[in-house]
Amino acid sequence: MPRPLRTVLAAVAVTLLAATAAGCGDAGGLERAGATPTATSPAKLWPDLAPASSPAWDYDNGEAEAMHITAPGDDIRKVPPVDLVRREIAQHPDDYAGSKAPYRVTARRMAYCGEQPADGRCPLLKAYYRDMTGDGKPDLALGFRLLPGNQTAVRVYTVEAGRVVQVMSNNDAVSGVELAGRSVIIHAPSDLADYEYRFQWTWDPEQKVMLLTQDEMLHFGRRESGRRHAGHPSPSSPSPSATP
């Protein structure tokens, strides 16, 4: 006599459960990952606060400056880097000329630049050429020491209608500089152990200047003993460029 349908289904279910239980014991079985944290959206504070219409201080938005130097054939590589630094010194005497100028030693030591072989007293650093403005032509990333302090000047130059234009200027206590696409990334020491500041300047084709697009403090792990950097003035305000 055939068994009732309910009895047959129950037997099949028991068999499937037994097979499933045996499979879950394998190494590849699913395991519980724990509770999922509850997603929270940003909470807006003071919704009735009237928004500010202008910044409280200069955020180093960047300014272009004509260097009054022509580039033969619109080629920045034909302009000696030492001439650009001397041109900046001439255009900004308050920063470089006189016994009280903050970078007076840099101006004096420029006399040692341009000689062969290179003189270690020259504050000028190696020049790098790369297209950072997207026009298919090389631009110039230049650095030089700002003496007698411990800051480094980082500059970017391009050529517009045959004339050299400075499109980025930053002075800071620099621990490293990188070029990435259309950006210059500057690493600067922090007065907090195991932290550093990182500033990213990026070319803006509409403004035709490099803007400070990222400003952050990064934690990179504990340093070895005795390798702490010197202090840095502020995480949100790199030293302003020497522009009027």
C-alpha atoms as a PDB file:
ATOM      1  CA  MET A   1       0.000   0.000   0.000  1.00  0.00           C
ATOM      2  CA  PRO A   2       1.586   3.354  -1.034  1.00  0.00           C
ATOM      3  CA  ARG A   3       2.648   5.682   1.778  1.00  0.00           C
ATOM      4  CA  PRO A   4       0.758   8.970   2.183  1.00  0.00           C
ATOM      5  CA  LEU A   5       2.256  11.919   0.238  1.00  0.00           C
ATOM      6  CA  ARG A   6       3.037  13.818   3.476  1.00  0.00           C
ATOM      7  CA  THR A   7       5.172  10.895   4.683  1.00  0.00           C
ATOM      8  CA  VAL A   8       7.123  10.784   1.406  1.00  0.00           C
ATOM      9  CA  LEU A   9       7.812  14.556   1.483  1.00  0.00           C
ATOM     10  CA  ALA A  10       8.967  14.369   5.086  1.00  0.00           C
ATOM     11  CA  ALA A  11      11.435  11.617   4.220  1.00  0.00           C
ATOM     12  CA  VAL A  12      12.827  13.646   1.315  1.00  0.00           C
ATOM     13  CA  ALA A  13      13.199  16.697   3.545  1.00  0.00           C
ATOM     14  CA  VAL A  14      15.114  14.727   6.173  1.00  0.00           C
ATOM     15  CA  THR A  15      17.467  13.399   3.493  1.00  0.00           C
ATOM     16  CA  LEU A  16      18.152  16.915   2.107  1.00  0.00           C
ATOM     17  CA  LEU A  17      18.773  18.348   5.562  1.00  0.00           C
ATOM     18  CA  ALA A  18      21.244  15.594   6.340  1.00  0.00           C
ATOM     19  CA  ALA A  19      23.133  16.254   3.099  1.00  0.00           C
ATOM     20  CA  THR A  20      23.195  19.997   3.768  1.00  0.00           C
ATOM     21  CA  ALA A  21      24.487  19.503   7.289  1.00  0.00           C
ATOM     22  CA  ALA A  22      27.261  17.273   6.018  1.00  0.00           C
ATOM     23  CA  GLY A  23      28.240  19.887   3.394  1.00  0.00           C
ATOM     24  CA  CYS A  24      28.395  22.729   5.927  1.00  0.00           C
ATOM     25  CA  GLY A  25      31.143  20.951   7.761  1.00  0.00           C
ATOM     26  CA  ASP A  26      33.500  21.390   4.793  1.00  0.00           C
ATOM     27  CA  ALA A  27      36.276  24.001   4.888  1.00  0.00           C
ATOM     28  CA  GLY A  28      34.540  26.038   2.210  1.00  0.00           C
ATOM     29  CA  GLY A  29      31.265  26.398   4.104  1.00  0.00           C
ATOM     30  CA  LEU A  30      29.696  29.748   4.907  1.00  0.00           C
ATOM     31  CA  GLU A  31      30.459  31.325   8.263  1.00  0.00           C
ATOM     32  CA  ARG A  32      28.802  34.168  10.122  1.00  0.00           C
ATOM     33  CA  ALA A  33      30.683  37.441   9.682  1.00  0.00           C
ATOM     34  CA  GLY A  34      29.164  39.105  12.695  1.00  0.00           C
ATOM     35  CA  ALA A  35      26.802  42.007  13.074  1.00  0.00           C
ATOM     36  CA  THR A  36      26.659  44.581  10.283  1.00  0.00           C
ATOM     37  CA  PRO A  37      27.208  48.130  11.533  1.00  0.00           C
ATOM     38  CA  THR A  38      24.293  50.472  11.063  1.00  0.00           C
ATOM     39  CA  ALA A  39      24.790  52.970   8.254  1.00  0.00           C
ATOM     40  CA  THR A  40      24.485  56.589   9.373  1.00  0.00           C
ATOM     41  CA  SER A  41      24.177  59.669   7.206  1.00  0.00           C
ATOM     42  CA  PRO A  42      25.987  62.957   7.979  1.00  0.00           C
ATOM     43  CA  ALA A  43      24.169  65.051  10.550  1.00  0.00           C
ATOM     44  CA  LYS A  44      23.902  68.665   9.476  1.00  0.00           C
ATOM     45  CA  LEU A  45      24.608  71.085  12.308  1.00  0.00           C
ATOM     46  CA  TRP A  46      23.063  74.535  12.707  1.00  0.00           C
ATOM     47  CA  PRO A  47      20.844  74.470   9.606  1.00  0.00           C
ATOM     48  CA  ASP A  48      19.701  78.029  10.280  1.00  0.00           C
ATOM     49  CA  LEU A  49      23.241  79.427  10.223  1.00  0.00           C
ATOM     50  CA  ALA A  50      23.656  81.917   7.379  1.00  0.00           C
ATOM     51  CA  PRO A  51      26.408  80.720   4.988  1.00  0.00           C
ATOM     52  CA  ALA A  52      29.507  82.904   4.653  1.00  0.00           C
ATOM     53  CA  SER A  53      29.883  84.739   1.368  1.00  0.00           C
ATOM     54  CA  SER A  54      33.694  85.138   1.421  1.00  0.00           C
ATOM     55  CA  PRO A  55      36.668  83.310   2.983  1.00  0.00           C
ATOM     56  CA  ALA A  56      38.072  84.468   6.317  1.00  0.00           C
ATOM     57  CA  TRP A  57      41.669  84.314   5.043  1.00  0.00           C
ATOM     58  CA  ASP A  58      43.724  83.530   1.968  1.00  0.00           C
ATOM     59  CA  TYR A  59      43.700  79.798   1.242  1.00  0.00           C
ATOM     60  CA  ASP A  60      46.590  80.036  -1.221  1.00  0.00           C
ATOM     61  CA  ASN A  61      44.296  79.884  -4.206  1.00  0.00           C
ATOM     62  CA  GLY A  62      47.221  80.395  -6.529  1.00  0.00           C
ATOM     63  CA  GLU A  63      48.231  83.259  -8.774  1.00  0.00           C
ATOM     64  CA  ALA A  64      50.005  83.355 -12.101  1.00  0.00           C
ATOM     65  CA  GLU A  65      52.979  85.668 -12.453  1.00  0.00           C
ATOM     66  CA  ALA A  66      54.731  86.684 -15.656  1.00  0.00           C
ATOM     67  CA  MET A  67      58.498  86.268 -15.283  1.00  0.00           C
ATOM     68  CA  HIS A  68      59.402  88.771 -18.041  1.00  0.00           C
ATOM     69  CA  ILE A  69      61.538  86.142 -19.754  1.00  0.00           C
ATOM     70  CA  THR A  70      60.920  84.808 -23.252  1.00  0.00           C
ATOM     71  CA  ALA A  71      61.232  81.145 -24.198  1.00  0.00           C
ATOM     72  CA  PRO A  72      62.847  80.593 -27.631  1.00  0.00           C
ATOM     73  CA  GLY A  73      60.513  78.522 -29.773  1.00  0.00           C
ATOM     74  CA  ASP A  74      58.007  78.371 -26.881  1.00  0.00           C
ATOM     75  CA  ASP A  75      60.311  75.759 -25.320  1.00  0.00           C
ATOM     76  CA  ILE A  76      60.763  76.096 -21.549  1.00  0.00           C
ATOM     77  CA  ARG A  77      63.768  73.788 -21.773  1.00  0.00           C
ATOM     78  CA  LYS A  78      65.682  76.540 -23.542  1.00  0.00           C
ATOM     79  CA  VAL A  79      65.348  78.849 -20.530  1.00  0.00           C
ATOM     80  CA  PRO A  80      68.115  78.307 -17.936  1.00  0.00           C
ATOM     81  CA  PRO A  81      66.498  77.556 -14.533  1.00  0.00           C
ATOM     82  CA  VAL A  82      69.043  79.787 -12.828  1.00  0.00           C
ATOM     83  CA  ASP A  83      67.722  82.730 -14.860  1.00  0.00           C
ATOM     84  CA  LEU A  84      64.206  82.120 -13.537  1.00  0.00           C
ATOM     85  CA  VAL A  85      65.351  82.170  -9.917  1.00  0.00           C
ATOM     86  CA  ARG A  86      67.356  85.350 -10.475  1.00  0.00           C
ATOM     87  CA  ARG A  87      64.308  86.865 -12.155  1.00  0.00           C
ATOM     88  CA  GLU A  88      62.168  86.055  -9.116  1.00  0.00           C
ATOM     89  CA  ILE A  89      64.761  87.630  -6.822  1.00  0.00           C
ATOM     90  CA  ALA A  90      64.718  90.785  -8.961  1.00  0.00           C
ATOM     91  CA  GLN A  91      60.895  90.937  -8.989  1.00  0.00           C
ATOM     92  CA  HIS A  92      60.585  90.441  -5.204  1.00  0.00           C
ATOM     93  CA  PRO A  93      63.359  92.435  -3.517  1.00  0.00           C
ATOM     94  CA  ASP A  94      61.523  92.519  -0.167  1.00  0.00           C
ATOM     95  CA  ASP A  95      62.008  88.767   0.132  1.00  0.00           C
ATOM     96  CA  TYR A  96      65.604  88.545  -1.032  1.00  0.00           C
ATOM     97  CA  ALA A  97      67.398  91.898  -0.857  1.00  0.00           C
ATOM     98  CA  GLY A  98      68.673  93.614   2.266  1.00  0.00           C
ATOM     99  CA  SER A  99      70.029  92.457   5.624  1.00  0.00           C
ATOM    100  CA  LYS A 100      66.532  91.768   7.008  1.00  0.00           C
ATOM    101  CA  ALA A 101      65.052  89.978   3.987  1.00  0.00           C
ATOM    102  CA  PRO A 102      63.866  86.476   4.967  1.00  0.00           C
ATOM    103  CA  TYR A 103      65.698  84.761   2.070  1.00  0.00           C
ATOM    104  CA  ARG A 104      68.753  87.018   1.813  1.00  0.00           C
ATOM    105  CA  VAL A 105      71.251  84.128   1.908  1.00  0.00           C
ATOM    106  CA  THR A 106      69.567  82.529  -1.098  1.00  0.00           C
ATOM    107  CA  ALA A 107      70.178  85.703  -3.082  1.00  0.00           C
ATOM    108  CA  ARG A 108      73.844  85.767  -2.091  1.00  0.00           C
ATOM    109  CA  ARG A 109      74.433  82.127  -2.899  1.00  0.00           C
ATOM    110  CA  MET A 110      73.002  82.445  -6.387  1.00  0.00           C
ATOM    111  CA  ALA A 111      76.477  83.648  -7.307  1.00  0.00           C
ATOM    112  CA  TYR A 112      77.596  80.007  -7.053  1.00  0.00           C
ATOM    113  CA  CYS A 113      74.970  78.743  -9.521  1.00  0.00           C
ATOM    114  CA  GLY A 114      75.558  78.068 -13.193  1.00  0.00           C
ATOM    115  CA  GLU A 115      79.183  77.071 -12.755  1.00  0.00           C
ATOM    116  CA  GLN A 116      80.716  73.828 -13.990  1.00  0.00           C
ATOM    117  CA  PRO A 117      81.249  71.644 -12.091  1.00  0.00           C
ATOM    118  CA  ALA A 118      78.244  72.396  -9.884  1.00  0.00           C
ATOM    119  CA  ASP A 119      78.991  74.179  -6.617  1.00  0.00           C
ATOM    120  CA  GLY A 120      77.376  72.731  -3.476  1.00  0.00           C
ATOM    121  CA  ARG A 121      76.702  76.234  -2.162  1.00  0.00           C
ATOM    122  CA  CYS A 122      74.195  76.906  -4.976  1.00  0.00           C
ATOM    123  CA  PRO A 123      70.642  76.708  -3.547  1.00  0.00           C
ATOM    124  CA  LEU A 124      69.139  75.604  -6.874  1.00  0.00           C
ATOM    125  CA  LEU A 125      67.833  72.022  -7.074  1.00  0.00           C
ATOM    126  CA  LYS A 126      67.524  69.745 -10.113  1.00  0.00           C
ATOM    127  CA  ALA A 127      64.969  70.854 -12.698  1.00  0.00           C
ATOM    128  CA  TYR A 128      62.236  68.482 -13.923  1.00  0.00           C
ATOM    129  CA  TYR A 129      60.338  68.784 -17.210  1.00  0.00           C
ATOM    130  CA  ARG A 130      56.864  67.334 -17.714  1.00  0.00           C
ATOM    131  CA  ASP A 131      53.591  68.358 -19.349  1.00  0.00           C
ATOM    132  CA  MET A 132      51.532  69.482 -16.348  1.00  0.00           C
ATOM    133  CA  THR A 133      49.139  71.810 -18.177  1.00  0.00           C
ATOM    134  CA  GLY A 134      47.880  69.368 -20.821  1.00  0.00           C
ATOM    135  CA  ASP A 135      49.001  71.383 -23.862  1.00  0.00           C
ATOM    136  CA  GLY A 136      51.387  68.689 -25.063  1.00  0.00           C
ATOM    137  CA  LYS A 137      54.488  70.756 -24.252  1.00  0.00           C
ATOM    138  CA  PRO A 138      56.865  70.288 -21.327  1.00  0.00           C
ATOM    139  CA  ASP A 139      56.519  72.519 -18.293  1.00  0.00           C
ATOM    140  CA  LEU A 140      59.161  73.108 -15.634  1.00  0.00           C
ATOM    141  CA  ALA A 141      59.038  72.047 -11.978  1.00  0.00           C
ATOM    142  CA  LEU A 142      61.772  73.854 -10.102  1.00  0.00           C
ATOM    143  CA  GLY A 143      62.936  73.931  -6.502  1.00  0.00           C
ATOM    144  CA  PHE A 144      65.489  75.965  -4.563  1.00  0.00           C
ATOM    145  CA  ARG A 145      66.421  76.340  -0.917  1.00  0.00           C
ATOM    146  CA  LEU A 146      65.195  79.407   0.961  1.00  0.00           C
ATOM    147  CA  LEU A 147      68.098  80.369   3.188  1.00  0.00           C
ATOM    148  CA  PRO A 148      69.029  80.892   5.983  1.00  0.00           C
ATOM    149  CA  GLY A 149      65.916  78.960   7.063  1.00  0.00           C
ATOM    150  CA  ASN A 150      64.943  75.376   6.304  1.00  0.00           C
ATOM    151  CA  GLN A 151      62.237  76.047   3.725  1.00  0.00           C
ATOM    152  CA  THR A 152      62.214  75.029   0.079  1.00  0.00           C
ATOM    153  CA  ALA A 153      60.608  76.955  -2.754  1.00  0.00           C
ATOM    154  CA  VAL A 154      58.624  74.825  -5.214  1.00  0.00           C
ATOM    155  CA  ARG A 155      57.709  76.500  -8.492  1.00  0.00           C
ATOM    156  CA  VAL A 156      56.035  75.450 -11.748  1.00  0.00           C
ATOM    157  CA  TYR A 157      56.544  77.400 -14.978  1.00  0.00           C
ATOM    158  CA  THR A 158      54.807  77.178 -18.330  1.00  0.00           C
ATOM    159  CA  VAL A 159      55.012  79.172 -21.566  1.00  0.00           C
ATOM    160  CA  GLU A 160      52.185  81.349 -22.847  1.00  0.00           C
ATOM    161  CA  ALA A 161      52.599  83.157 -26.159  1.00  0.00           C
ATOM    162  CA  GLY A 162      56.358  82.854 -25.940  1.00  0.00           C
ATOM    163  CA  ARG A 163      56.651  84.247 -22.398  1.00  0.00           C
ATOM    164  CA  VAL A 164      57.434  82.280 -19.247  1.00  0.00           C
ATOM    165  CA  VAL A 165      54.667  82.331 -16.641  1.00  0.00           C
ATOM    166  CA  GLN A 166      54.906  81.026 -13.092  1.00  0.00           C
ATOM    167  CA  VAL A 167      51.697  79.057 -12.431  1.00  0.00           C
ATOM    168  CA  MET A 168      52.491  77.622  -9.015  1.00  0.00           C
ATOM    169  CA  SER A 169      54.482  78.966  -6.069  1.00  0.00           C
ATOM    170  CA  ASN A 170      54.792  77.400  -2.633  1.00  0.00           C
ATOM    171  CA  ASN A 171      57.293  77.869   0.201  1.00  0.00           C
ATOM    172  CA  ASP A 172      57.391  75.270   2.947  1.00  0.00           C
ATOM    173  CA  ALA A 173      59.523  72.982   5.108  1.00  0.00           C
ATOM    174  CA  VAL A 174      59.483  70.220   2.527  1.00  0.00           C
ATOM    175  CA  SER A 175      60.183  66.545   3.207  1.00  0.00           C
ATOM    176  CA  GLY A 176      59.276  65.285  -0.279  1.00  0.00           C
ATOM    177  CA  VAL A 177      57.786  66.334  -3.614  1.00  0.00           C
ATOM    178  CA  GLU A 178      56.010  64.211  -6.246  1.00  0.00           C
ATOM    179  CA  LEU A 179      54.608  64.812  -9.708  1.00  0.00           C
ATOM    180  CA  ALA A 180      51.419  62.899 -10.540  1.00  0.00           C
ATOM    181  CA  GLY A 181      49.616  63.694 -13.768  1.00  0.00           C
ATOM    182  CA  ARG A 182      48.576  67.357 -13.598  1.00  0.00           C
ATOM    183  CA  SER A 183      49.401  67.631  -9.886  1.00  0.00           C
ATOM    184  CA  VAL A 184      52.328  68.517  -7.651  1.00  0.00           C
ATOM    185  CA  ILE A 185      52.187  66.785  -4.263  1.00  0.00           C
ATOM    186  CA  ILE A 186      54.221  68.294  -1.433  1.00  0.00           C
ATOM    187  CA  HIS A 187      54.926  66.409   1.783  1.00  0.00           C
ATOM    188  CA  ALA A 188      55.762  68.529   4.819  1.00  0.00           C
ATOM    189  CA  PRO A 189      56.718  67.545   8.368  1.00  0.00           C
ATOM    190  CA  SER A 190      54.297  67.836  11.257  1.00  0.00           C
ATOM    191  CA  ASP A 191      55.033  68.651  14.879  1.00  0.00           C
ATOM    192  CA  LEU A 192      52.969  65.564  15.811  1.00  0.00           C
ATOM    193  CA  ALA A 193      54.860  62.270  15.873  1.00  0.00           C
ATOM    194  CA  ASP A 194      53.944  59.816  13.086  1.00  0.00           C
ATOM    195  CA  TYR A 195      52.011  62.436  11.106  1.00  0.00           C
ATOM    196  CA  GLU A 196      52.821  64.557   8.084  1.00  0.00           C
ATOM    197  CA  TYR A 197      51.033  67.158   5.992  1.00  0.00           C
ATOM    198  CA  ARG A 198      50.300  66.602   2.325  1.00  0.00           C
ATOM    199  CA  PHE A 199      49.389  69.398  -0.069  1.00  0.00           C
ATOM    200  CA  GLN A 200      48.252  68.726  -3.618  1.00  0.00           C
ATOM    201  CA  TRP A 201      48.395  71.449  -6.257  1.00  0.00           C
ATOM    202  CA  THR A 202      46.487  70.681  -9.472  1.00  0.00           C
ATOM    203  CA  TRP A 203      46.365  72.468 -12.813  1.00  0.00           C
ATOM    204  CA  ASP A 204      43.050  74.192 -13.515  1.00  0.00           C
ATOM    205  CA  PRO A 205      42.594  74.801 -17.264  1.00  0.00           C
ATOM    206  CA  GLU A 206      39.956  77.494 -16.700  1.00  0.00           C
ATOM    207  CA  GLN A 207      41.931  79.551 -14.183  1.00  0.00           C
ATOM    208  CA  LYS A 208      45.209  78.723 -16.013  1.00  0.00           C
ATOM    209  CA  VAL A 209      46.975  78.260 -12.712  1.00  0.00           C
ATOM    210  CA  MET A 210      47.680  75.426 -10.291  1.00  0.00           C
ATOM    211  CA  LEU A 211      45.289  75.470  -7.333  1.00  0.00           C
ATOM    212  CA  LEU A 212      45.641  73.982  -3.871  1.00  0.00           C
ATOM    213  CA  THR A 213      43.063  71.198  -4.287  1.00  0.00           C
ATOM    214  CA  GLN A 214      43.908  68.980  -1.313  1.00  0.00           C
ATOM    215  CA  ASP A 215      45.275  69.754   2.148  1.00  0.00           C
ATOM    216  CA  GLU A 216      45.399  66.969   4.692  1.00  0.00           C
ATOM    217  CA  MET A 217      47.238  65.479   7.647  1.00  0.00           C
ATOM    218  CA  LEU A 218      48.262  61.849   7.205  1.00  0.00           C
ATOM    219  CA  HIS A 219      49.210  59.198   9.746  1.00  0.00           C
ATOM    220  CA  PHE A 220      51.930  56.928   8.403  1.00  0.00           C
ATOM    221  CA  GLY A 221      52.987  54.815  11.410  1.00  0.00           C
ATOM    222  CA  ARG A 222      55.574  55.177  14.101  1.00  0.00           C
ATOM    223  CA  ARG A 223      58.966  56.412  13.045  1.00  0.00           C
ATOM    224  CA  GLU A 224      62.235  55.052  14.294  1.00  0.00           C
ATOM    225  CA  SER A 225      63.628  56.772  17.373  1.00  0.00           C
ATOM    226  CA  GLY A 226      65.334  60.067  16.630  1.00  0.00           C
ATOM    227  CA  ARG A 227      63.729  60.600  13.199  1.00  0.00           C
ATOM    228  CA  ARG A 228      61.070  63.151  14.060  1.00  0.00           C
ATOM    229  CA  HIS A 229      60.693  66.092  11.736  1.00  0.00           C
ATOM    230  CA  ALA A 230      60.899  69.701  12.720  1.00  0.00           C
ATOM    231  CA  GLY A 231      57.701  71.628  13.366  1.00  0.00           C
ATOM    232  CA  HIS A 232      55.389  72.932  10.646  1.00  0.00           C
ATOM    233  CA  PRO A 233      53.491  76.206  10.845  1.00  0.00           C
ATOM    234  CA  SER A 234      49.943  75.115  10.073  1.00  0.00           C
ATOM    235  CA  PRO A 235      48.072  72.219   8.445  1.00  0.00           C
ATOM    236  CA  SER A 236      45.719  74.476   6.517  1.00  0.00           C
ATOM    237  CA  SER A 237      47.937  77.364   5.473  1.00  0.00           C
ATOM    238  CA  PRO A 238      51.190  76.552   3.668  1.00  0.00           C
ATOM    239  CA  SER A 239      53.597  79.469   3.575  1.00  0.00           C
ATOM    240  CA  PRO A 240      52.311  81.938   0.963  1.00  0.00           C
ATOM    241  CA  SER A 241      54.160  82.381  -2.277  1.00  0.00           C
ATOM    242  CA  ALA A 242      56.309  85.407  -2.814  1.00  0.00           C
ATOM    243  CA  THR A 243      53.752  87.191  -4.980  1.00  0.00           C
ATOM    244  CA  PRO A 244      52.426  90.721  -4.486  1.00  0.00           C
END
